[in-house]
């Protein structure tokens, strides 16, 4: 899964950015990826930072904004892995098996 340093609450808060700034850049990131279509966006959040009572409203704002768009799949890394295994793993495994091995070249 992509892990975004730029959309990671820990370095932003350590650099003294506030949660309102995080909302702004998360929306900008989403808008760009959404316009490109089919991209994965990761919000790296730590409950001890962004899950606090004074920041939780900003997280709700981000999630409401993202989910207000059509075709957005809010998911977890486990769900993505399950989807891959169910829909793509066998094809990729067959392809890998069809490649020549290092000793057969």
PDB file of N, CA and C in Angstrom:
ATOM      1  N   UNK A   1       0.836  -1.167   0.000  1.00  0.00           N
ATOM      2  CA  UNK A   1       0.000   0.000   0.000  1.00  0.00           C
ATOM      3  C   UNK A   1       0.889   1.240   0.000  1.00  0.00           C
ATOM      4  N   UNK A   2       0.485   2.252  -0.734  1.00  0.00           N
ATOM      5  CA  UNK A   2       1.270   3.489  -0.683  1.00  0.00           C
ATOM      6  C   UNK A   2       1.214   4.076   0.729  1.00  0.00           C
ATOM      7  N   UNK A   3       2.314   4.582   1.179  1.00  0.00           N
ATOM      8  CA  UNK A   3       2.371   5.207   2.493  1.00  0.00           C
ATOM      9  C   UNK A   3       2.908   6.616   2.290  1.00  0.00           C
ATOM     10  N   UNK A   4       2.072   7.587   2.499  1.00  0.00           N
ATOM     11  CA  UNK A   4       2.402   8.962   2.187  1.00  0.00           C
ATOM     12  C   UNK A   4       3.041   9.660   3.380  1.00  0.00           C
ATOM     13  N   UNK A   5       4.246  10.149   3.185  1.00  0.00           N
ATOM     14  CA  UNK A   5       4.894  10.952   4.222  1.00  0.00           C
ATOM     15  C   UNK A   5       4.217  12.320   4.313  1.00  0.00           C
ATOM     16  N   UNK A   6       3.797  12.838   3.164  1.00  0.00           N
ATOM     17  CA  UNK A   6       3.183  14.161   3.129  1.00  0.00           C
ATOM     18  C   UNK A   6       1.822  14.181   3.818  1.00  0.00           C
ATOM     19  N   UNK A   7       1.080  13.070   3.724  1.00  0.00           N
ATOM     20  CA  UNK A   7      -0.219  12.988   4.387  1.00  0.00           C
ATOM     21  C   UNK A   7      -0.124  12.087   5.606  1.00  0.00           C
ATOM     22  N   UNK A   8       0.856  12.359   6.421  1.00  0.00           N
ATOM     23  CA  UNK A   8       1.103  11.621   7.647  1.00  0.00           C
ATOM     24  C   UNK A   8       1.002  12.631   8.785  1.00  0.00           C
ATOM     25  N   UNK A   9       0.114  12.389   9.707  1.00  0.00           N
ATOM     26  CA  UNK A   9      -0.099  13.376  10.760  1.00  0.00           C
ATOM     27  C   UNK A   9       1.118  13.575  11.665  1.00  0.00           C
ATOM     28  N   UNK A  10       1.928  12.567  11.865  1.00  0.00           N
ATOM     29  CA  UNK A  10       3.057  12.696  12.793  1.00  0.00           C
ATOM     30  C   UNK A  10       4.070  13.756  12.352  1.00  0.00           C
ATOM     31  N   UNK A  11       4.639  13.668  11.128  1.00  0.00           N
ATOM     32  CA  UNK A  11       5.614  14.709  10.766  1.00  0.00           C
ATOM     33  C   UNK A  11       4.982  16.094  10.637  1.00  0.00           C
ATOM     34  N   UNK A  12       3.717  16.158  10.231  1.00  0.00           N
ATOM     35  CA  UNK A  12       3.079  17.466  10.121  1.00  0.00           C
ATOM     36  C   UNK A  12       2.904  18.117  11.486  1.00  0.00           C
ATOM     37  N   UNK A  13       2.450  17.332  12.447  1.00  0.00           N
ATOM     38  CA  UNK A  13       2.254  17.902  13.768  1.00  0.00           C
ATOM     39  C   UNK A  13       3.596  18.222  14.428  1.00  0.00           C
ATOM     40  N   UNK A  14       4.621  17.413  14.149  1.00  0.00           N
ATOM     41  CA  UNK A  14       5.950  17.697  14.707  1.00  0.00           C
ATOM     42  C   UNK A  14       6.538  18.984  14.111  1.00  0.00           C
ATOM     43  N   UNK A  15       6.112  19.318  12.886  1.00  0.00           N
ATOM     44  CA  UNK A  15       6.561  20.549  12.237  1.00  0.00           C
ATOM     45  C   UNK A  15       5.642  21.719  12.583  1.00  0.00           C
ATOM     46  N   UNK A  16       4.803  21.523  13.584  1.00  0.00           N
ATOM     47  CA  UNK A  16       3.897  22.558  14.100  1.00  0.00           C
ATOM     48  C   UNK A  16       2.816  22.989  13.118  1.00  0.00           C
ATOM     49  N   UNK A  17       2.440  22.116  12.186  1.00  0.00           N
ATOM     50  CA  UNK A  17       1.261  22.379  11.371  1.00  0.00           C
ATOM     51  C   UNK A  17       0.050  21.936  12.169  1.00  0.00           C
ATOM     52  N   UNK A  18      -1.052  22.612  11.973  1.00  0.00           N
ATOM     53  CA  UNK A  18      -2.245  22.214  12.710  1.00  0.00           C
ATOM     54  C   UNK A  18      -3.134  21.308  11.874  1.00  0.00           C
ATOM     55  N   UNK A  19      -4.173  20.790  12.505  1.00  0.00           N
ATOM     56  CA  UNK A  19      -5.033  19.831  11.818  1.00  0.00           C
ATOM     57  C   UNK A  19      -5.823  20.486  10.686  1.00  0.00           C
ATOM     58  N   UNK A  20      -6.069  21.782  10.729  1.00  0.00           N
ATOM     59  CA  UNK A  20      -6.751  22.464   9.625  1.00  0.00           C
ATOM     60  C   UNK A  20      -5.884  22.421   8.362  1.00  0.00           C
ATOM     61  N   UNK A  21      -4.577  22.552   8.523  1.00  0.00           N
ATOM     62  CA  UNK A  21      -3.670  22.444   7.377  1.00  0.00           C
ATOM     63  C   UNK A  21      -3.715  21.024   6.811  1.00  0.00           C
ATOM     64  N   UNK A  22      -3.782  20.037   7.677  1.00  0.00           N
ATOM     65  CA  UNK A  22      -3.884  18.648   7.231  1.00  0.00           C
ATOM     66  C   UNK A  22      -5.136  18.449   6.386  1.00  0.00           C
ATOM     67  N   UNK A  23      -6.257  19.051   6.800  1.00  0.00           N
ATOM     68  CA  UNK A  23      -7.502  18.982   6.028  1.00  0.00           C
ATOM     69  C   UNK A  23      -7.276  19.567   4.647  1.00  0.00           C
ATOM     70  N   UNK A  24      -6.654  20.720   4.576  1.00  0.00           N
ATOM     71  CA  UNK A  24      -6.415  21.406   3.305  1.00  0.00           C
ATOM     72  C   UNK A  24      -5.587  20.548   2.349  1.00  0.00           C
ATOM     73  N   UNK A  25      -4.483  19.993   2.830  1.00  0.00           N
ATOM     74  CA  UNK A  25      -3.633  19.220   1.914  1.00  0.00           C
ATOM     75  C   UNK A  25      -4.260  17.870   1.575  1.00  0.00           C
ATOM     76  N   UNK A  26      -5.027  17.291   2.493  1.00  0.00           N
ATOM     77  CA  UNK A  26      -5.704  16.026   2.186  1.00  0.00           C
ATOM     78  C   UNK A  26      -6.727  16.235   1.079  1.00  0.00           C
ATOM     79  N   UNK A  27      -7.472  17.329   1.143  1.00  0.00           N
ATOM     80  CA  UNK A  27      -8.457  17.619   0.093  1.00  0.00           C
ATOM     81  C   UNK A  27      -7.768  17.865  -1.243  1.00  0.00           C
ATOM     82  N   UNK A  28      -6.667  18.611  -1.239  1.00  0.00           N
ATOM     83  CA  UNK A  28      -5.929  18.871  -2.484  1.00  0.00           C
ATOM     84  C   UNK A  28      -5.383  17.577  -3.083  1.00  0.00           C
ATOM     85  N   UNK A  29      -4.826  16.732  -2.225  1.00  0.00           N
ATOM     86  CA  UNK A  29      -4.298  15.437  -2.681  1.00  0.00           C
ATOM     87  C   UNK A  29      -5.419  14.607  -3.302  1.00  0.00           C
ATOM     88  N   UNK A  30      -6.540  14.539  -2.597  1.00  0.00           N
ATOM     89  CA  UNK A  30      -7.668  13.774  -3.109  1.00  0.00           C
ATOM     90  C   UNK A  30      -8.146  14.319  -4.447  1.00  0.00           C
ATOM     91  N   UNK A  31      -8.314  15.630  -4.560  1.00  0.00           N
ATOM     92  CA  UNK A  31      -8.806  16.229  -5.799  1.00  0.00           C
ATOM     93  C   UNK A  31      -7.922  15.869  -6.988  1.00  0.00           C
ATOM     94  N   UNK A  32      -6.620  15.901  -6.800  1.00  0.00           N
ATOM     95  CA  UNK A  32      -5.695  15.563  -7.887  1.00  0.00           C
ATOM     96  C   UNK A  32      -5.809  14.093  -8.255  1.00  0.00           C
ATOM     97  N   UNK A  33      -5.790  13.217  -7.268  1.00  0.00           N
ATOM     98  CA  UNK A  33      -5.876  11.786  -7.544  1.00  0.00           C
ATOM     99  C   UNK A  33      -7.228  11.412  -8.134  1.00  0.00           C
ATOM    100  N   UNK A  34      -8.286  12.024  -7.653  1.00  0.00           N
ATOM    101  CA  UNK A  34      -9.624  11.736  -8.166  1.00  0.00           C
ATOM    102  C   UNK A  34      -9.726  12.150  -9.633  1.00  0.00           C
ATOM    103  N   UNK A  35      -9.168  13.303  -9.967  1.00  0.00           N
ATOM    104  CA  UNK A  35      -9.195  13.774 -11.353  1.00  0.00           C
ATOM    105  C   UNK A  35      -8.420  12.830 -12.272  1.00  0.00           C
ATOM    106  N   UNK A  36      -7.361  12.205 -11.742  1.00  0.00           N
ATOM    107  CA  UNK A  36      -6.578  11.251 -12.530  1.00  0.00           C
ATOM    108  C   UNK A  36      -7.295   9.917 -12.667  1.00  0.00           C
ATOM    109  N   UNK A  37      -8.169   9.593 -11.731  1.00  0.00           N
ATOM    110  CA  UNK A  37      -8.965   8.359 -11.780  1.00  0.00           C
ATOM    111  C   UNK A  37      -8.181   7.130 -11.355  1.00  0.00           C
ATOM    112  N   UNK A  38      -8.814   6.306 -10.517  1.00  0.00           N
ATOM    113  CA  UNK A  38      -8.266   5.005 -10.161  1.00  0.00           C
ATOM    114  C   UNK A  38      -7.024   4.988  -9.306  1.00  0.00           C
ATOM    115  N   UNK A  39      -6.767   6.012  -8.558  1.00  0.00           N
ATOM    116  CA  UNK A  39      -5.562   6.086  -7.724  1.00  0.00           C
ATOM    117  C   UNK A  39      -5.864   5.673  -6.286  1.00  0.00           C
ATOM    118  N   UNK A  40      -4.825   5.289  -5.579  1.00  0.00           N
ATOM    119  CA  UNK A  40      -4.946   4.936  -4.166  1.00  0.00           C
ATOM    120  C   UNK A  40      -4.417   6.101  -3.339  1.00  0.00           C
ATOM    121  N   UNK A  41      -5.178   6.492  -2.345  1.00  0.00           N
ATOM    122  CA  UNK A  41      -4.759   7.567  -1.447  1.00  0.00           C
ATOM    123  C   UNK A  41      -4.712   7.039  -0.028  1.00  0.00           C
ATOM    124  N   UNK A  42      -3.601   7.212   0.594  1.00  0.00           N
ATOM    125  CA  UNK A  42      -3.410   6.756   1.967  1.00  0.00           C
ATOM    126  C   UNK A  42      -3.326   7.959   2.894  1.00  0.00           C
ATOM    127  N   UNK A  43      -4.097   7.922   3.954  1.00  0.00           N
ATOM    128  CA  UNK A  43      -3.958   8.886   5.034  1.00  0.00           C
ATOM    129  C   UNK A  43      -3.287   8.154   6.188  1.00  0.00           C
ATOM    130  N   UNK A  44      -2.076   8.532   6.493  1.00  0.00           N
ATOM    131  CA  UNK A  44      -1.352   7.891   7.591  1.00  0.00           C
ATOM    132  C   UNK A  44      -1.692   8.636   8.877  1.00  0.00           C
ATOM    133  N   UNK A  45      -2.545   8.021   9.668  1.00  0.00           N
ATOM    134  CA  UNK A  45      -3.048   8.664  10.874  1.00  0.00           C
ATOM    135  C   UNK A  45      -2.697   7.862  12.111  1.00  0.00           C
ATOM    136  N   UNK A  46      -2.447   8.560  13.169  1.00  0.00           N
ATOM    137  CA  UNK A  46      -2.129   7.943  14.450  1.00  0.00           C
ATOM    138  C   UNK A  46      -3.179   8.410  15.449  1.00  0.00           C
ATOM    139  N   UNK A  47      -3.934   7.483  16.031  1.00  0.00           N
ATOM    140  CA  UNK A  47      -5.030   7.872  16.926  1.00  0.00           C
ATOM    141  C   UNK A  47      -4.591   8.781  18.072  1.00  0.00           C
ATOM    142  N   UNK A  48      -3.362   8.623  18.545  1.00  0.00           N
ATOM    143  CA  UNK A  48      -2.915   9.474  19.645  1.00  0.00           C
ATOM    144  C   UNK A  48      -2.666  10.914  19.187  1.00  0.00           C
ATOM    145  N   UNK A  49      -2.639  11.138  17.871  1.00  0.00           N
ATOM    146  CA  UNK A  49      -2.499  12.492  17.335  1.00  0.00           C
ATOM    147  C   UNK A  49      -3.831  12.993  16.763  1.00  0.00           C
ATOM    148  N   UNK A  50      -4.266  12.376  15.677  1.00  0.00           N
ATOM    149  CA  UNK A  50      -5.428  12.882  14.955  1.00  0.00           C
ATOM    150  C   UNK A  50      -6.744  12.378  15.529  1.00  0.00           C
ATOM    151  N   UNK A  51      -6.704  11.469  16.445  1.00  0.00           N
ATOM    152  CA  UNK A  51      -7.930  10.951  17.039  1.00  0.00           C
ATOM    153  C   UNK A  51      -8.320  11.652  18.323  1.00  0.00           C
ATOM    154  N   UNK A  52      -7.690  12.761  18.596  1.00  0.00           N
ATOM    155  CA  UNK A  52      -7.985  13.492  19.830  1.00  0.00           C
ATOM    156  C   UNK A  52      -9.255  14.327  19.678  1.00  0.00           C
ATOM    157  N   UNK A  53      -9.919  14.640  20.780  1.00  0.00           N
ATOM    158  CA  UNK A  53     -11.168  15.405  20.700  1.00  0.00           C
ATOM    159  C   UNK A  53     -11.039  16.721  19.918  1.00  0.00           C
ATOM    160  N   UNK A  54      -9.900  17.389  20.023  1.00  0.00           N
ATOM    161  CA  UNK A  54      -9.762  18.684  19.340  1.00  0.00           C
ATOM    162  C   UNK A  54      -9.405  18.543  17.851  1.00  0.00           C
ATOM    163  N   UNK A  55      -9.103  17.334  17.386  1.00  0.00           N
ATOM    164  CA  UNK A  55      -8.777  17.140  15.966  1.00  0.00           C
ATOM    165  C   UNK A  55      -9.767  16.229  15.246  1.00  0.00           C
ATOM    166  N   UNK A  56     -10.587  15.513  15.961  1.00  0.00           N
ATOM    167  CA  UNK A  56     -11.465  14.517  15.344  1.00  0.00           C
ATOM    168  C   UNK A  56     -12.445  15.153  14.357  1.00  0.00           C
ATOM    169  N   UNK A  57     -12.862  16.379  14.624  1.00  0.00           N
ATOM    170  CA  UNK A  57     -13.758  17.069  13.696  1.00  0.00           C
ATOM    171  C   UNK A  57     -13.103  17.298  12.337  1.00  0.00           C
ATOM    172  N   UNK A  58     -11.810  17.550  12.345  1.00  0.00           N
ATOM    173  CA  UNK A  58     -11.087  17.723  11.086  1.00  0.00           C
ATOM    174  C   UNK A  58     -11.004  16.405  10.316  1.00  0.00           C
ATOM    175  N   UNK A  59     -10.829  15.316  11.026  1.00  0.00           N
ATOM    176  CA  UNK A  59     -10.829  14.013  10.357  1.00  0.00           C
ATOM    177  C   UNK A  59     -12.205  13.742   9.737  1.00  0.00           C
ATOM    178  N   UNK A  60     -13.246  14.042  10.470  1.00  0.00           N
ATOM    179  CA  UNK A  60     -14.606  13.872   9.916  1.00  0.00           C
ATOM    180  C   UNK A  60     -14.787  14.713   8.656  1.00  0.00           C
ATOM    181  N   UNK A  61     -14.261  15.927   8.671  1.00  0.00           N
ATOM    182  CA  UNK A  61     -14.372  16.802   7.500  1.00  0.00           C
ATOM    183  C   UNK A  61     -13.683  16.182   6.285  1.00  0.00           C
ATOM    184  N   UNK A  62     -12.488  15.640   6.477  1.00  0.00           N
ATOM    185  CA  UNK A  62     -11.758  14.989   5.378  1.00  0.00           C
ATOM    186  C   UNK A  62     -12.564  13.816   4.835  1.00  0.00           C
ATOM    187  N   UNK A  63     -13.032  12.957   5.727  1.00  0.00           N
ATOM    188  CA  UNK A  63     -13.744  11.757   5.288  1.00  0.00           C
ATOM    189  C   UNK A  63     -15.072  12.093   4.621  1.00  0.00           C
ATOM    190  N   UNK A  64     -15.779  13.085   5.130  1.00  0.00           N
ATOM    191  CA  UNK A  64     -17.031  13.507   4.478  1.00  0.00           C
ATOM    192  C   UNK A  64     -16.751  14.046   3.079  1.00  0.00           C
ATOM    193  N   UNK A  65     -15.686  14.815   2.945  1.00  0.00           N
ATOM    194  CA  UNK A  65     -15.332  15.375   1.645  1.00  0.00           C
ATOM    195  C   UNK A  65     -15.017  14.264   0.647  1.00  0.00           C
ATOM    196  N   UNK A  66     -14.181  13.343   1.053  1.00  0.00           N
ATOM    197  CA  UNK A  66     -13.775  12.252   0.159  1.00  0.00           C
ATOM    198  C   UNK A  66     -14.972  11.385  -0.219  1.00  0.00           C
ATOM    199  N   UNK A  67     -15.777  11.017   0.761  1.00  0.00           N
ATOM    200  CA  UNK A  67     -16.898  10.110   0.477  1.00  0.00           C
ATOM    201  C   UNK A  67     -18.062  10.803  -0.224  1.00  0.00           C
ATOM    202  N   UNK A  68     -18.008  12.115  -0.387  1.00  0.00           N
ATOM    203  CA  UNK A  68     -19.066  12.812  -1.123  1.00  0.00           C
ATOM    204  C   UNK A  68     -18.889  12.659  -2.634  1.00  0.00           C
ATOM    205  N   UNK A  69     -17.795  12.058  -3.058  1.00  0.00           N
ATOM    206  CA  UNK A  69     -17.515  11.853  -4.480  1.00  0.00           C
ATOM    207  C   UNK A  69     -17.935  10.446  -4.904  1.00  0.00           C
ATOM    208  N   UNK A  70     -18.400  10.341  -6.144  1.00  0.00           N
ATOM    209  CA  UNK A  70     -18.820   9.043  -6.685  1.00  0.00           C
ATOM    210  C   UNK A  70     -17.626   8.115  -6.889  1.00  0.00           C
ATOM    211  N   UNK A  71     -17.872   6.821  -6.668  1.00  0.00           N
ATOM    212  CA  UNK A  71     -16.886   5.799  -6.994  1.00  0.00           C
ATOM    213  C   UNK A  71     -15.730   5.661  -6.021  1.00  0.00           C
ATOM    214  N   UNK A  72     -15.822   6.262  -4.849  1.00  0.00           N
ATOM    215  CA  UNK A  72     -14.749   6.175  -3.861  1.00  0.00           C
ATOM    216  C   UNK A  72     -14.938   4.904  -3.042  1.00  0.00           C
ATOM    217  N   UNK A  73     -13.878   4.131  -2.922  1.00  0.00           N
ATOM    218  CA  UNK A  73     -13.904   2.912  -2.120  1.00  0.00           C
ATOM    219  C   UNK A  73     -13.123   3.166  -0.842  1.00  0.00           C
ATOM    220  N   UNK A  74     -13.831   3.377   0.254  1.00  0.00           N
ATOM    221  CA  UNK A  74     -13.192   3.538   1.564  1.00  0.00           C
ATOM    222  C   UNK A  74     -12.904   2.137   2.078  1.00  0.00           C
ATOM    223  N   UNK A  75     -11.653   1.849   2.291  1.00  0.00           N
ATOM    224  CA  UNK A  75     -11.297   0.477   2.603  1.00  0.00           C
ATOM    225  C   UNK A  75     -10.077   0.418   3.504  1.00  0.00           C
ATOM    226  N   UNK A  76      -9.671  -0.782   3.796  1.00  0.00           N
ATOM    227  CA  UNK A  76      -8.475  -1.023   4.596  1.00  0.00           C
ATOM    228  C   UNK A  76      -7.455  -1.780   3.751  1.00  0.00           C
ATOM    229  N   UNK A  77      -6.242  -1.835   4.225  1.00  0.00           N
ATOM    230  CA  UNK A  77      -5.206  -2.603   3.527  1.00  0.00           C
ATOM    231  C   UNK A  77      -5.609  -4.075   3.430  1.00  0.00           C
ATOM    232  N   UNK A  78      -6.234  -4.613   4.466  1.00  0.00           N
ATOM    233  CA  UNK A  78      -6.683  -6.013   4.430  1.00  0.00           C
ATOM    234  C   UNK A  78      -7.712  -6.233   3.330  1.00  0.00           C
ATOM    235  N   UNK A  79      -8.637  -5.285   3.184  1.00  0.00           N
ATOM    236  CA  UNK A  79      -9.651  -5.410   2.132  1.00  0.00           C
ATOM    237  C   UNK A  79      -9.024  -5.359   0.739  1.00  0.00           C
ATOM    238  N   UNK A  80      -8.029  -4.502   0.563  1.00  0.00           N
ATOM    239  CA  UNK A  80      -7.337  -4.417  -0.725  1.00  0.00           C
ATOM    240  C   UNK A  80      -6.617  -5.724  -1.013  1.00  0.00           C
ATOM    241  N   UNK A  81      -5.946  -6.273  -0.018  1.00  0.00           N
ATOM    242  CA  UNK A  81      -5.253  -7.546  -0.198  1.00  0.00           C
ATOM    243  C   UNK A  81      -6.242  -8.665  -0.528  1.00  0.00           C
ATOM    244  N   UNK A  82      -7.359  -8.704   0.166  1.00  0.00           N
ATOM    245  CA  UNK A  82      -8.387  -9.717  -0.122  1.00  0.00           C
ATOM    246  C   UNK A  82      -8.906  -9.579  -1.548  1.00  0.00           C
ATOM    247  N   UNK A  83      -9.147  -8.357  -1.980  1.00  0.00           N
ATOM    248  CA  UNK A  83      -9.626  -8.116  -3.349  1.00  0.00           C
ATOM    249  C   UNK A  83      -8.592  -8.608  -4.371  1.00  0.00           C
ATOM    250  N   UNK A  84      -7.331  -8.289  -4.129  1.00  0.00           N
ATOM    251  CA  UNK A  84      -6.265  -8.731  -5.026  1.00  0.00           C
ATOM    252  C   UNK A  84      -6.216 -10.260  -5.084  1.00  0.00           C
ATOM    253  N   UNK A  85      -6.237 -10.897  -3.944  1.00  0.00           N
ATOM    254  CA  UNK A  85      -6.173 -12.358  -3.914  1.00  0.00           C
ATOM    255  C   UNK A  85      -7.364 -12.988  -4.633  1.00  0.00           C
ATOM    256  N   UNK A  86      -8.533 -12.414  -4.463  1.00  0.00           N
ATOM    257  CA  UNK A  86      -9.736 -12.968  -5.080  1.00  0.00           C
ATOM    258  C   UNK A  86      -9.799 -12.727  -6.585  1.00  0.00           C
ATOM    259  N   UNK A  87      -9.305 -11.588  -7.036  1.00  0.00           N
ATOM    260  CA  UNK A  87      -9.505 -11.202  -8.435  1.00  0.00           C
ATOM    261  C   UNK A  87      -8.260 -11.227  -9.315  1.00  0.00           C
ATOM    262  N   UNK A  88      -7.069 -11.217  -8.744  1.00  0.00           N
ATOM    263  CA  UNK A  88      -5.866 -11.057  -9.566  1.00  0.00           C
ATOM    264  C   UNK A  88      -4.736 -12.041  -9.268  1.00  0.00           C
ATOM    265  N   UNK A  89      -4.746 -12.639  -8.114  1.00  0.00           N
ATOM    266  CA  UNK A  89      -3.624 -13.479  -7.688  1.00  0.00           C
ATOM    267  C   UNK A  89      -3.370 -14.644  -8.645  1.00  0.00           C
ATOM    268  N   UNK A  90      -4.413 -15.388  -8.997  1.00  0.00           N
ATOM    269  CA  UNK A  90      -4.235 -16.559  -9.864  1.00  0.00           C
ATOM    270  C   UNK A  90      -3.649 -16.172 -11.221  1.00  0.00           C
ATOM    271  N   UNK A  91      -4.118 -15.066 -11.782  1.00  0.00           N
ATOM    272  CA  UNK A  91      -3.596 -14.592 -13.065  1.00  0.00           C
ATOM    273  C   UNK A  91      -2.117 -14.251 -12.944  1.00  0.00           C
ATOM    274  N   UNK A  92      -1.755 -13.545 -11.887  1.00  0.00           N
ATOM    275  CA  UNK A  92      -0.354 -13.168 -11.695  1.00  0.00           C
ATOM    276  C   UNK A  92       0.522 -14.382 -11.411  1.00  0.00           C
ATOM    277  N   UNK A  93      -0.008 -15.336 -10.680  1.00  0.00           N
ATOM    278  CA  UNK A  93       0.729 -16.558 -10.391  1.00  0.00           C
ATOM    279  C   UNK A  93       0.984 -17.343 -11.675  1.00  0.00           C
ATOM    280  N   UNK A  94      -0.032 -17.447 -12.527  1.00  0.00           N
ATOM    281  CA  UNK A  94       0.125 -18.143 -13.812  1.00  0.00           C
ATOM    282  C   UNK A  94       1.135 -17.424 -14.688  1.00  0.00           C
ATOM    283  N   UNK A  95       1.100 -16.109 -14.692  1.00  0.00           N
ATOM    284  CA  UNK A  95       2.060 -15.348 -15.478  1.00  0.00           C
ATOM    285  C   UNK A  95       3.485 -15.583 -14.959  1.00  0.00           C
ATOM    286  N   UNK A  96       3.669 -15.521 -13.658  1.00  0.00           N
ATOM    287  CA  UNK A  96       4.989 -15.736 -13.074  1.00  0.00           C
ATOM    288  C   UNK A  96       5.505 -17.147 -13.405  1.00  0.00           C
ATOM    289  N   UNK A  97       4.623 -18.133 -13.388  1.00  0.00           N
ATOM    290  CA  UNK A  97       5.023 -19.499 -13.700  1.00  0.00           C
ATOM    291  C   UNK A  97       5.415 -19.660 -15.167  1.00  0.00           C
ATOM    292  N   UNK A  98       4.883 -18.790 -16.026  1.00  0.00           N
ATOM    293  CA  UNK A  98       5.198 -18.888 -17.448  1.00  0.00           C
ATOM    294  C   UNK A  98       6.528 -18.235 -17.815  1.00  0.00           C
ATOM    295  N   UNK A  99       7.089 -17.479 -16.922  1.00  0.00           N
ATOM    296  CA  UNK A  99       8.363 -16.819 -17.217  1.00  0.00           C
ATOM    297  C   UNK A  99       9.516 -17.816 -17.153  1.00  0.00           C
ATOM    298  N   UNK A 100      10.513 -17.606 -18.003  1.00  0.00           N
ATOM    299  CA  UNK A 100      11.676 -18.514 -17.935  1.00  0.00           C
ATOM    300  C   UNK A 100      12.420 -18.308 -16.613  1.00  0.00           C
ATOM    301  N   UNK A 101      12.910 -19.388 -16.085  1.00  0.00           N
ATOM    302  CA  UNK A 101      13.685 -19.286 -14.848  1.00  0.00           C
ATOM    303  C   UNK A 101      15.112 -18.850 -15.183  1.00  0.00           C
ATOM    304  N   UNK A 102      15.850 -18.422 -14.202  1.00  0.00           N
ATOM    305  CA  UNK A 102      17.213 -17.931 -14.427  1.00  0.00           C
ATOM    306  C   UNK A 102      18.092 -19.023 -15.014  1.00  0.00           C
ATOM    307  N   UNK A 103      17.888 -20.254 -14.623  1.00  0.00           N
ATOM    308  CA  UNK A 103      18.725 -21.353 -15.122  1.00  0.00           C
ATOM    309  C   UNK A 103      18.381 -21.804 -16.541  1.00  0.00           C
ATOM    310  N   UNK A 104      17.237 -21.397 -17.081  1.00  0.00           N
ATOM    311  CA  UNK A 104      16.829 -21.876 -18.391  1.00  0.00           C
ATOM    312  C   UNK A 104      17.145 -20.899 -19.510  1.00  0.00           C
ATOM    313  N   UNK A 105      17.843 -19.852 -19.240  1.00  0.00           N
ATOM    314  CA  UNK A 105      18.159 -18.855 -20.276  1.00  0.00           C
ATOM    315  C   UNK A 105      19.376 -19.222 -21.056  1.00  0.00           C
TER     316      UNK A 105
END
